[in-house]
Amino acid sequence: MKTDLAATARALNAPAPAIDPHSLRKVLGSFVTGVTVITTIDKNGKAYGLTANSFSSVSLDPPLILWSQSLTAPSYPVFRDALRFAVNILADDQIDISRRFAGSSDDKFTGVAMRAGIGGLPLIEGCAAYLECASEDRFPGGDHAVFLGRVEKIEHSNRSSLIFGGGKYLTAQPYELKKTSPNI
């Protein structure tokens, strides 16, 4: 079969159609993710945190992770300048923590059980896991900044992780249970 190389080149170079942000958000919501709260402190020791599901592993050697934050977030300058941050991977009973840190309140940490990590990083008690990171680099990503962190310390519990997809909080169960359970 003969390929028309000129036609193929034209098709590859054609402008992509505009993507509606609301439709894109809905499509991205079909990708189920974990829920994290990213925390740091500013140069005066004040704690900052935000809920993020834009978290991913990058490399095991060296140990690198990434997450992203809106450039318009009030705490963006603090995270941009932070030397360290912590990724608190929420447990499945921490929906209230996720909602609290998704808002823009100045008192997000009030009443939240915490302990100090490396350099005083706020670690939220009861999480499924923790990654304490040094800020490795930042990259532009459209209306967000992508943060790359070098993992310095990890901690894992036996708690199940909170997950999010389709615009709602979910819980996970092993696939084997789904196949054998008559109620599912």
N, C-alpha and C. Protein backbone atom coordinates (compact mmCIF):
# COMPACT_ATOMS: atom_id res chain seq x y z
N MET A 1 0.85 -1.18 0.00
CA MET A 1 0.00 0.00 0.00
C MET A 1 0.89 1.23 0.00
N LYS A 2 0.64 2.15 -0.89
CA LYS A 2 1.43 3.36 -1.04
C LYS A 2 0.82 4.47 -0.19
N THR A 3 1.67 5.19 0.53
CA THR A 3 1.20 6.28 1.38
C THR A 3 1.47 7.61 0.70
N ASP A 4 0.50 8.50 0.75
CA ASP A 4 0.69 9.85 0.23
C ASP A 4 1.36 10.66 1.33
N LEU A 5 2.69 10.80 1.23
CA LEU A 5 3.46 11.47 2.27
C LEU A 5 3.07 12.93 2.42
N ALA A 6 2.74 13.60 1.35
CA ALA A 6 2.34 15.01 1.42
C ALA A 6 1.04 15.16 2.21
N ALA A 7 0.07 14.28 1.95
CA ALA A 7 -1.20 14.33 2.67
C ALA A 7 -1.00 14.02 4.15
N THR A 8 -0.14 13.05 4.45
CA THR A 8 0.16 12.71 5.84
C THR A 8 0.81 13.89 6.55
N ALA A 9 1.76 14.54 5.90
CA ALA A 9 2.43 15.71 6.49
C ALA A 9 1.44 16.83 6.75
N ARG A 10 0.52 17.08 5.81
CA ARG A 10 -0.49 18.13 6.00
C ARG A 10 -1.38 17.81 7.20
N ALA A 11 -1.79 16.57 7.32
CA ALA A 11 -2.65 16.16 8.42
C ALA A 11 -1.94 16.32 9.77
N LEU A 12 -0.66 15.97 9.82
CA LEU A 12 0.10 16.10 11.06
C LEU A 12 0.33 17.55 11.46
N ASN A 13 0.41 18.44 10.49
CA ASN A 13 0.67 19.85 10.75
C ASN A 13 -0.60 20.69 10.87
N ALA A 14 -1.77 20.09 10.70
CA ALA A 14 -3.03 20.82 10.81
C ALA A 14 -3.21 21.29 12.26
N PRO A 15 -3.77 22.48 12.45
CA PRO A 15 -3.99 22.96 13.82
C PRO A 15 -5.01 22.07 14.53
N ALA A 16 -4.76 21.84 15.80
CA ALA A 16 -5.68 21.03 16.60
C ALA A 16 -6.92 21.85 16.92
N PRO A 17 -8.07 21.22 17.00
CA PRO A 17 -9.27 21.97 17.36
C PRO A 17 -9.17 22.47 18.80
N ALA A 18 -9.86 23.56 19.11
CA ALA A 18 -9.87 24.11 20.47
C ALA A 18 -10.54 23.10 21.41
N ILE A 19 -10.02 23.02 22.61
CA ILE A 19 -10.56 22.12 23.62
C ILE A 19 -11.33 22.95 24.65
N ASP A 20 -12.57 22.61 24.86
CA ASP A 20 -13.40 23.27 25.86
C ASP A 20 -12.91 22.86 27.26
N PRO A 21 -12.55 23.84 28.13
CA PRO A 21 -12.02 23.50 29.46
C PRO A 21 -12.97 22.65 30.30
N HIS A 22 -14.27 22.89 30.21
CA HIS A 22 -15.22 22.10 31.01
C HIS A 22 -15.28 20.65 30.52
N SER A 23 -15.24 20.48 29.21
CA SER A 23 -15.22 19.12 28.65
C SER A 23 -13.92 18.41 29.01
N LEU A 24 -12.81 19.14 28.94
CA LEU A 24 -11.52 18.56 29.31
C LEU A 24 -11.52 18.12 30.77
N ARG A 25 -12.08 18.96 31.64
CA ARG A 25 -12.16 18.62 33.07
C ARG A 25 -12.95 17.33 33.27
N LYS A 26 -14.04 17.17 32.53
CA LYS A 26 -14.87 15.97 32.64
C LYS A 26 -14.10 14.74 32.16
N VAL A 27 -13.41 14.87 31.04
CA VAL A 27 -12.61 13.75 30.53
C VAL A 27 -11.50 13.38 31.51
N LEU A 28 -10.79 14.38 32.03
CA LEU A 28 -9.72 14.11 32.99
C LEU A 28 -10.26 13.47 34.27
N GLY A 29 -11.51 13.79 34.62
CA GLY A 29 -12.13 13.20 35.80
C GLY A 29 -12.36 11.70 35.67
N SER A 30 -12.29 11.17 34.47
CA SER A 30 -12.44 9.72 34.30
C SER A 30 -11.17 8.97 34.67
N PHE A 31 -10.08 9.72 34.90
CA PHE A 31 -8.83 9.11 35.37
C PHE A 31 -8.82 9.21 36.89
N VAL A 32 -9.00 8.09 37.57
CA VAL A 32 -9.08 8.06 39.03
C VAL A 32 -7.69 8.29 39.61
N THR A 33 -7.62 9.17 40.62
CA THR A 33 -6.35 9.50 41.24
C THR A 33 -6.44 9.40 42.76
N GLY A 34 -5.30 9.38 43.38
CA GLY A 34 -5.24 9.52 44.82
C GLY A 34 -5.42 10.98 45.19
N VAL A 35 -5.59 11.24 46.48
CA VAL A 35 -5.78 12.60 46.97
C VAL A 35 -4.67 12.91 47.95
N THR A 36 -4.00 14.04 47.74
CA THR A 36 -2.92 14.44 48.62
C THR A 36 -3.17 15.84 49.16
N VAL A 37 -2.51 16.14 50.26
CA VAL A 37 -2.39 17.51 50.73
C VAL A 37 -0.90 17.81 50.73
N ILE A 38 -0.51 18.82 49.96
CA ILE A 38 0.87 19.25 49.89
C ILE A 38 1.06 20.34 50.94
N THR A 39 2.07 20.21 51.79
CA THR A 39 2.30 21.19 52.85
C THR A 39 3.72 21.72 52.80
N THR A 40 3.88 22.92 53.31
CA THR A 40 5.21 23.53 53.45
C THR A 40 5.13 24.60 54.52
N ILE A 41 6.24 25.25 54.76
CA ILE A 41 6.27 26.41 55.65
C ILE A 41 7.01 27.54 54.94
N ASP A 42 6.64 28.77 55.29
CA ASP A 42 7.34 29.90 54.70
C ASP A 42 8.58 30.23 55.54
N LYS A 43 9.31 31.28 55.18
CA LYS A 43 10.56 31.62 55.87
C LYS A 43 10.35 32.01 57.32
N ASN A 44 9.10 32.34 57.68
CA ASN A 44 8.79 32.69 59.07
C ASN A 44 8.22 31.51 59.86
N GLY A 45 8.10 30.36 59.22
CA GLY A 45 7.60 29.17 59.90
C GLY A 45 6.09 28.99 59.83
N LYS A 46 5.38 29.83 59.06
CA LYS A 46 3.93 29.67 58.92
C LYS A 46 3.64 28.52 57.97
N ALA A 47 2.68 27.67 58.36
CA ALA A 47 2.32 26.49 57.58
C ALA A 47 1.34 26.85 56.46
N TYR A 48 1.54 26.20 55.32
CA TYR A 48 0.66 26.33 54.15
C TYR A 48 0.35 24.93 53.63
N GLY A 49 -0.85 24.78 53.07
CA GLY A 49 -1.22 23.49 52.52
C GLY A 49 -2.34 23.61 51.50
N LEU A 50 -2.39 22.64 50.59
CA LEU A 50 -3.44 22.61 49.59
C LEU A 50 -3.70 21.17 49.15
N THR A 51 -4.94 20.90 48.80
CA THR A 51 -5.31 19.60 48.28
C THR A 51 -4.89 19.52 46.82
N ALA A 52 -4.27 18.39 46.45
CA ALA A 52 -3.84 18.21 45.07
C ALA A 52 -3.99 16.74 44.67
N ASN A 53 -4.56 16.51 43.50
CA ASN A 53 -4.54 15.16 42.95
C ASN A 53 -3.63 15.10 41.73
N SER A 54 -2.95 16.23 41.47
CA SER A 54 -1.99 16.29 40.36
C SER A 54 -0.62 15.85 40.86
N PHE A 55 -0.55 14.67 41.37
CA PHE A 55 0.67 14.11 41.97
C PHE A 55 1.06 12.86 41.20
N SER A 56 2.37 12.67 40.98
CA SER A 56 2.82 11.48 40.26
C SER A 56 4.26 11.16 40.62
N SER A 57 4.60 9.89 40.51
CA SER A 57 5.99 9.50 40.63
C SER A 57 6.69 9.84 39.32
N VAL A 58 7.99 10.12 39.40
CA VAL A 58 8.78 10.44 38.22
C VAL A 58 9.91 9.44 38.06
N SER A 59 10.66 9.20 39.14
CA SER A 59 11.86 8.37 39.05
C SER A 59 12.12 7.70 40.39
N LEU A 60 12.61 6.47 40.34
CA LEU A 60 13.02 5.77 41.56
C LEU A 60 14.48 6.04 41.89
N ASP A 61 15.30 6.30 40.88
CA ASP A 61 16.71 6.55 41.10
C ASP A 61 17.20 7.64 40.16
N PRO A 62 17.26 8.88 40.63
CA PRO A 62 17.01 9.34 41.99
C PRO A 62 15.50 9.35 42.29
N PRO A 63 15.14 9.36 43.58
CA PRO A 63 13.71 9.35 43.93
C PRO A 63 13.07 10.72 43.71
N LEU A 64 12.27 10.83 42.65
CA LEU A 64 11.65 12.10 42.28
C LEU A 64 10.15 11.94 42.12
N ILE A 65 9.42 12.98 42.53
CA ILE A 65 7.97 13.04 42.34
C ILE A 65 7.63 14.40 41.76
N LEU A 66 6.39 14.56 41.28
CA LEU A 66 5.94 15.86 40.82
C LEU A 66 4.51 16.12 41.23
N TRP A 67 4.16 17.39 41.26
CA TRP A 67 2.79 17.83 41.48
C TRP A 67 2.67 19.21 40.85
N SER A 68 1.43 19.69 40.66
CA SER A 68 1.27 21.00 40.04
C SER A 68 0.31 21.86 40.85
N GLN A 69 0.48 23.18 40.67
CA GLN A 69 -0.34 24.16 41.40
C GLN A 69 -0.69 25.31 40.47
N SER A 70 -1.89 25.82 40.59
CA SER A 70 -2.33 26.97 39.82
C SER A 70 -1.47 28.18 40.15
N LEU A 71 -1.11 28.92 39.11
CA LEU A 71 -0.32 30.13 39.31
C LEU A 71 -1.09 31.22 40.05
N THR A 72 -2.42 31.10 40.07
CA THR A 72 -3.25 32.10 40.75
C THR A 72 -3.59 31.71 42.20
N ALA A 73 -3.13 30.55 42.64
CA ALA A 73 -3.39 30.14 44.03
C ALA A 73 -2.70 31.11 44.98
N PRO A 74 -3.39 31.53 46.03
CA PRO A 74 -2.78 32.47 46.98
C PRO A 74 -1.45 31.97 47.58
N SER A 75 -1.32 30.67 47.72
CA SER A 75 -0.10 30.12 48.32
C SER A 75 0.99 29.83 47.29
N TYR A 76 0.74 30.10 46.02
CA TYR A 76 1.74 29.80 45.00
C TYR A 76 3.11 30.43 45.29
N PRO A 77 3.19 31.72 45.65
CA PRO A 77 4.52 32.29 45.93
C PRO A 77 5.27 31.56 47.05
N VAL A 78 4.54 31.07 48.04
CA VAL A 78 5.18 30.35 49.15
C VAL A 78 5.76 29.03 48.65
N PHE A 79 4.97 28.25 47.90
CA PHE A 79 5.46 26.97 47.38
C PHE A 79 6.58 27.19 46.35
N ARG A 80 6.45 28.23 45.55
CA ARG A 80 7.49 28.56 44.56
C ARG A 80 8.84 28.77 45.23
N ASP A 81 8.84 29.44 46.39
CA ASP A 81 10.07 29.79 47.08
C ASP A 81 10.50 28.78 48.13
N ALA A 82 9.66 27.77 48.41
CA ALA A 82 9.95 26.82 49.49
C ALA A 82 11.14 25.92 49.14
N LEU A 83 11.94 25.62 50.12
CA LEU A 83 13.06 24.70 49.94
C LEU A 83 12.62 23.25 50.06
N ARG A 84 11.51 23.04 50.78
CA ARG A 84 10.99 21.69 51.00
C ARG A 84 9.47 21.71 50.98
N PHE A 85 8.90 20.55 50.73
CA PHE A 85 7.46 20.35 50.86
C PHE A 85 7.21 18.90 51.22
N ALA A 86 6.02 18.64 51.76
CA ALA A 86 5.62 17.27 52.10
C ALA A 86 4.37 16.91 51.31
N VAL A 87 4.30 15.66 50.89
CA VAL A 87 3.12 15.11 50.24
C VAL A 87 2.46 14.19 51.26
N ASN A 88 1.29 14.60 51.74
CA ASN A 88 0.50 13.81 52.68
C ASN A 88 -0.53 13.05 51.85
N ILE A 89 -0.36 11.76 51.68
CA ILE A 89 -1.31 10.95 50.90
C ILE A 89 -2.45 10.58 51.84
N LEU A 90 -3.63 11.12 51.56
CA LEU A 90 -4.74 10.99 52.49
C LEU A 90 -5.28 9.56 52.55
N ALA A 91 -5.74 9.20 53.75
CA ALA A 91 -6.40 7.92 53.98
C ALA A 91 -7.88 8.07 53.62
N ASP A 92 -8.54 6.94 53.41
CA ASP A 92 -9.92 6.97 52.90
C ASP A 92 -10.94 7.58 53.86
N ASP A 93 -10.57 7.85 55.11
CA ASP A 93 -11.48 8.51 56.05
C ASP A 93 -11.13 9.99 56.24
N GLN A 94 -10.34 10.57 55.33
CA GLN A 94 -9.90 11.95 55.49
C GLN A 94 -10.50 12.90 54.45
N ILE A 95 -11.74 12.63 54.06
CA ILE A 95 -12.43 13.52 53.12
C ILE A 95 -12.52 14.93 53.69
N ASP A 96 -12.79 15.04 54.99
CA ASP A 96 -12.89 16.37 55.60
C ASP A 96 -11.57 17.15 55.48
N ILE A 97 -10.45 16.47 55.59
CA ILE A 97 -9.14 17.11 55.43
C ILE A 97 -8.97 17.57 53.98
N SER A 98 -9.34 16.72 53.03
CA SER A 98 -9.25 17.09 51.62
C SER A 98 -10.07 18.34 51.34
N ARG A 99 -11.29 18.37 51.82
CA ARG A 99 -12.17 19.53 51.57
C ARG A 99 -11.63 20.79 52.25
N ARG A 100 -11.13 20.64 53.46
CA ARG A 100 -10.59 21.78 54.20
C ARG A 100 -9.44 22.43 53.43
N PHE A 101 -8.50 21.61 52.94
CA PHE A 101 -7.32 22.13 52.28
C PHE A 101 -7.58 22.50 50.81
N ALA A 102 -8.75 22.15 50.29
CA ALA A 102 -9.13 22.56 48.93
C ALA A 102 -9.64 24.00 48.92
N GLY A 103 -10.02 24.50 50.09
CA GLY A 103 -10.53 25.86 50.19
C GLY A 103 -9.43 26.89 50.32
N SER A 104 -9.83 28.15 50.46
CA SER A 104 -8.85 29.23 50.53
C SER A 104 -8.78 29.89 51.90
N SER A 105 -9.22 29.21 52.92
CA SER A 105 -9.20 29.75 54.28
C SER A 105 -7.78 29.96 54.80
N ASP A 106 -7.62 30.94 55.67
CA ASP A 106 -6.32 31.18 56.30
C ASP A 106 -6.09 30.26 57.50
N ASP A 107 -7.13 29.58 57.96
CA ASP A 107 -6.99 28.74 59.16
C ASP A 107 -7.16 27.25 58.84
N LYS A 108 -6.60 26.80 57.73
CA LYS A 108 -6.73 25.40 57.31
C LYS A 108 -6.19 24.43 58.35
N PHE A 109 -5.16 24.82 59.08
CA PHE A 109 -4.50 23.92 60.01
C PHE A 109 -5.14 23.90 61.40
N THR A 110 -6.05 24.84 61.68
CA THR A 110 -6.68 24.91 62.99
C THR A 110 -7.45 23.63 63.29
N GLY A 111 -7.11 22.98 64.39
CA GLY A 111 -7.80 21.76 64.81
C GLY A 111 -7.34 20.50 64.09
N VAL A 112 -6.35 20.60 63.20
CA VAL A 112 -5.86 19.42 62.48
C VAL A 112 -4.66 18.85 63.24
N ALA A 113 -4.72 17.58 63.56
CA ALA A 113 -3.61 16.92 64.26
C ALA A 113 -2.42 16.82 63.30
N MET A 114 -1.29 17.36 63.75
CA MET A 114 -0.09 17.38 62.91
C MET A 114 1.14 17.03 63.75
N ARG A 115 2.21 16.76 63.02
CA ARG A 115 3.52 16.61 63.64
C ARG A 115 4.53 17.19 62.67
N ALA A 116 5.72 17.45 63.17
CA ALA A 116 6.74 18.09 62.35
C ALA A 116 7.60 17.05 61.64
N GLY A 117 7.84 17.31 60.35
CA GLY A 117 8.75 16.50 59.56
C GLY A 117 10.08 17.23 59.42
N ILE A 118 10.86 16.85 58.43
CA ILE A 118 12.16 17.46 58.17
C ILE A 118 12.01 18.98 58.05
N GLY A 119 12.83 19.72 58.77
CA GLY A 119 12.80 21.18 58.70
C GLY A 119 11.51 21.80 59.18
N GLY A 120 10.69 21.06 59.92
CA GLY A 120 9.43 21.58 60.42
C GLY A 120 8.24 21.43 59.48
N LEU A 121 8.42 20.66 58.40
CA LEU A 121 7.31 20.46 57.47
C LEU A 121 6.09 19.91 58.20
N PRO A 122 4.90 20.46 57.97
CA PRO A 122 3.70 19.93 58.60
C PRO A 122 3.29 18.59 57.98
N LEU A 123 3.20 17.58 58.83
CA LEU A 123 2.69 16.27 58.42
C LEU A 123 1.35 16.06 59.11
N ILE A 124 0.32 15.77 58.33
CA ILE A 124 -1.03 15.59 58.86
C ILE A 124 -1.16 14.18 59.40
N GLU A 125 -1.54 14.06 60.66
CA GLU A 125 -1.67 12.74 61.28
C GLU A 125 -2.76 11.90 60.61
N GLY A 126 -2.55 10.60 60.57
CA GLY A 126 -3.54 9.66 60.09
C GLY A 126 -3.53 9.39 58.60
N CYS A 127 -2.55 9.90 57.89
CA CYS A 127 -2.49 9.69 56.44
C CYS A 127 -2.06 8.27 56.09
N ALA A 128 -2.31 7.89 54.85
CA ALA A 128 -1.91 6.57 54.37
C ALA A 128 -0.40 6.51 54.15
N ALA A 129 0.20 7.65 53.76
CA ALA A 129 1.64 7.69 53.51
C ALA A 129 2.11 9.14 53.47
N TYR A 130 3.44 9.30 53.57
CA TYR A 130 4.07 10.62 53.54
C TYR A 130 5.33 10.56 52.70
N LEU A 131 5.57 11.63 51.96
CA LEU A 131 6.84 11.82 51.25
C LEU A 131 7.33 13.21 51.62
N GLU A 132 8.50 13.29 52.23
CA GLU A 132 9.09 14.57 52.55
C GLU A 132 10.15 14.84 51.49
N CYS A 133 10.04 16.01 50.85
CA CYS A 133 10.83 16.28 49.65
C CYS A 133 11.59 17.60 49.72
N ALA A 134 12.74 17.61 49.07
CA ALA A 134 13.45 18.85 48.80
C ALA A 134 12.97 19.34 47.44
N SER A 135 12.76 20.65 47.33
CA SER A 135 12.36 21.22 46.04
C SER A 135 13.52 21.08 45.07
N GLU A 136 13.31 20.33 44.02
CA GLU A 136 14.36 20.06 43.04
C GLU A 136 14.32 21.07 41.89
N ASP A 137 13.09 21.35 41.38
CA ASP A 137 12.96 22.27 40.26
C ASP A 137 11.49 22.64 40.08
N ARG A 138 11.24 23.67 39.28
CA ARG A 138 9.89 24.09 38.92
C ARG A 138 9.87 24.34 37.41
N PHE A 139 8.74 24.03 36.79
CA PHE A 139 8.61 24.19 35.34
C PHE A 139 7.28 24.86 35.04
N PRO A 140 7.25 25.69 33.99
CA PRO A 140 5.97 26.27 33.58
C PRO A 140 5.09 25.18 32.96
N GLY A 141 3.81 25.26 33.26
CA GLY A 141 2.86 24.30 32.70
C GLY A 141 1.54 24.99 32.42
N GLY A 142 1.53 25.91 31.48
CA GLY A 142 0.29 26.63 31.17
C GLY A 142 -0.11 27.51 32.33
N ASP A 143 -1.33 27.31 32.84
CA ASP A 143 -1.80 28.12 33.97
C ASP A 143 -1.37 27.53 35.31
N HIS A 144 -0.47 26.54 35.28
CA HIS A 144 0.06 25.90 36.48
C HIS A 144 1.58 25.92 36.47
N ALA A 145 2.14 25.67 37.63
CA ALA A 145 3.57 25.41 37.76
C ALA A 145 3.70 23.94 38.16
N VAL A 146 4.66 23.26 37.58
CA VAL A 146 4.92 21.86 37.91
C VAL A 146 6.13 21.83 38.83
N PHE A 147 5.95 21.24 40.01
CA PHE A 147 7.01 21.16 41.01
C PHE A 147 7.62 19.76 40.98
N LEU A 148 8.93 19.71 40.92
CA LEU A 148 9.66 18.45 40.98
C LEU A 148 10.32 18.38 42.34
N GLY A 149 10.11 17.28 43.05
CA GLY A 149 10.69 17.12 44.38
C GLY A 149 11.55 15.87 44.48
N ARG A 150 12.66 16.01 45.20
CA ARG A 150 13.53 14.87 45.49
C ARG A 150 13.10 14.32 46.85
N VAL A 151 12.67 13.07 46.87
CA VAL A 151 12.17 12.45 48.10
C VAL A 151 13.34 12.21 49.05
N GLU A 152 13.20 12.74 50.27
CA GLU A 152 14.23 12.60 51.29
C GLU A 152 13.85 11.62 52.39
N LYS A 153 12.54 11.48 52.62
CA LYS A 153 12.08 10.58 53.68
C LYS A 153 10.68 10.10 53.32
N ILE A 154 10.41 8.83 53.59
CA ILE A 154 9.09 8.26 53.31
C ILE A 154 8.55 7.56 54.55
N GLU A 155 7.25 7.46 54.58
CA GLU A 155 6.57 6.71 55.64
C GLU A 155 5.28 6.16 55.05
N HIS A 156 4.96 4.92 55.41
CA HIS A 156 3.78 4.26 54.87
C HIS A 156 3.04 3.57 56.00
N SER A 157 1.72 3.64 55.98
CA SER A 157 0.90 2.93 56.96
C SER A 157 0.11 1.84 56.23
N ASN A 158 -0.68 1.12 56.95
CA ASN A 158 -1.54 0.09 56.34
C ASN A 158 -2.93 0.64 56.04
N ARG A 159 -3.10 1.95 56.12
CA ARG A 159 -4.41 2.56 55.88
C ARG A 159 -4.68 2.61 54.38
N SER A 160 -5.93 2.47 53.98
CA SER A 160 -6.33 2.58 52.58
C SER A 160 -6.33 4.04 52.17
N SER A 161 -5.97 4.29 50.93
CA SER A 161 -5.89 5.66 50.42
C SER A 161 -7.24 6.16 49.94
N LEU A 162 -7.45 7.47 50.09
CA LEU A 162 -8.61 8.15 49.54
C LEU A 162 -8.36 8.33 48.04
N ILE A 163 -9.38 8.11 47.24
CA ILE A 163 -9.23 8.31 45.80
C ILE A 163 -10.35 9.21 45.29
N PHE A 164 -10.15 9.76 44.10
CA PHE A 164 -11.08 10.72 43.52
C PHE A 164 -11.21 10.46 42.03
N GLY A 165 -12.43 10.49 41.53
CA GLY A 165 -12.67 10.32 40.11
C GLY A 165 -14.10 10.68 39.77
N GLY A 166 -14.31 11.19 38.57
CA GLY A 166 -15.66 11.55 38.15
C GLY A 166 -16.31 12.61 39.02
N GLY A 167 -15.48 13.45 39.65
CA GLY A 167 -16.01 14.52 40.48
C GLY A 167 -16.44 14.11 41.86
N LYS A 168 -16.07 12.89 42.30
CA LYS A 168 -16.47 12.46 43.66
C LYS A 168 -15.38 11.62 44.31
N TYR A 169 -15.47 11.56 45.63
CA TYR A 169 -14.55 10.72 46.40
C TYR A 169 -14.97 9.27 46.28
N LEU A 170 -13.97 8.39 46.22
CA LEU A 170 -14.21 6.96 46.05
C LEU A 170 -13.33 6.18 47.02
N THR A 171 -13.67 4.93 47.19
CA THR A 171 -12.78 4.01 47.92
C THR A 171 -12.44 2.88 46.97
N ALA A 172 -11.28 2.32 47.17
CA ALA A 172 -10.82 1.24 46.30
C ALA A 172 -10.93 -0.09 47.01
N GLN A 173 -11.09 -1.12 46.23
CA GLN A 173 -11.04 -2.48 46.75
C GLN A 173 -10.30 -3.35 45.73
N PRO A 174 -9.67 -4.38 46.20
CA PRO A 174 -8.95 -5.25 45.26
C PRO A 174 -9.90 -5.82 44.20
N TYR A 175 -9.41 -5.95 43.00
CA TYR A 175 -10.21 -6.46 41.89
C TYR A 175 -10.75 -7.85 42.20
N GLU A 176 -9.96 -8.67 42.87
CA GLU A 176 -10.41 -10.03 43.20
C GLU A 176 -11.68 -10.01 44.02
N LEU A 177 -11.84 -9.02 44.92
CA LEU A 177 -13.06 -8.92 45.72
C LEU A 177 -14.25 -8.56 44.83
N LYS A 178 -14.03 -7.72 43.86
CA LYS A 178 -15.12 -7.31 42.97
C LYS A 178 -15.65 -8.51 42.19
N LYS A 179 -14.76 -9.38 41.72
CA LYS A 179 -15.17 -10.53 40.92
C LYS A 179 -15.95 -11.55 41.74
N THR A 180 -15.66 -11.66 43.03
CA THR A 180 -16.28 -12.71 43.83
C THR A 180 -17.45 -12.23 44.68
N SER A 181 -17.62 -10.93 44.84
CA SER A 181 -18.68 -10.41 45.68
C SER A 181 -20.00 -10.38 44.93
N PRO A 182 -21.04 -11.00 45.48
CA PRO A 182 -22.34 -11.01 44.79
C PRO A 182 -23.04 -9.67 44.84
N ASN A 183 -22.62 -8.75 45.73
CA ASN A 183 -23.30 -7.46 45.89
C ASN A 183 -22.73 -6.39 44.99
N ILE A 184 -21.75 -6.70 44.18
CA ILE A 184 -21.13 -5.67 43.34
C ILE A 184 -21.45 -5.90 41.89
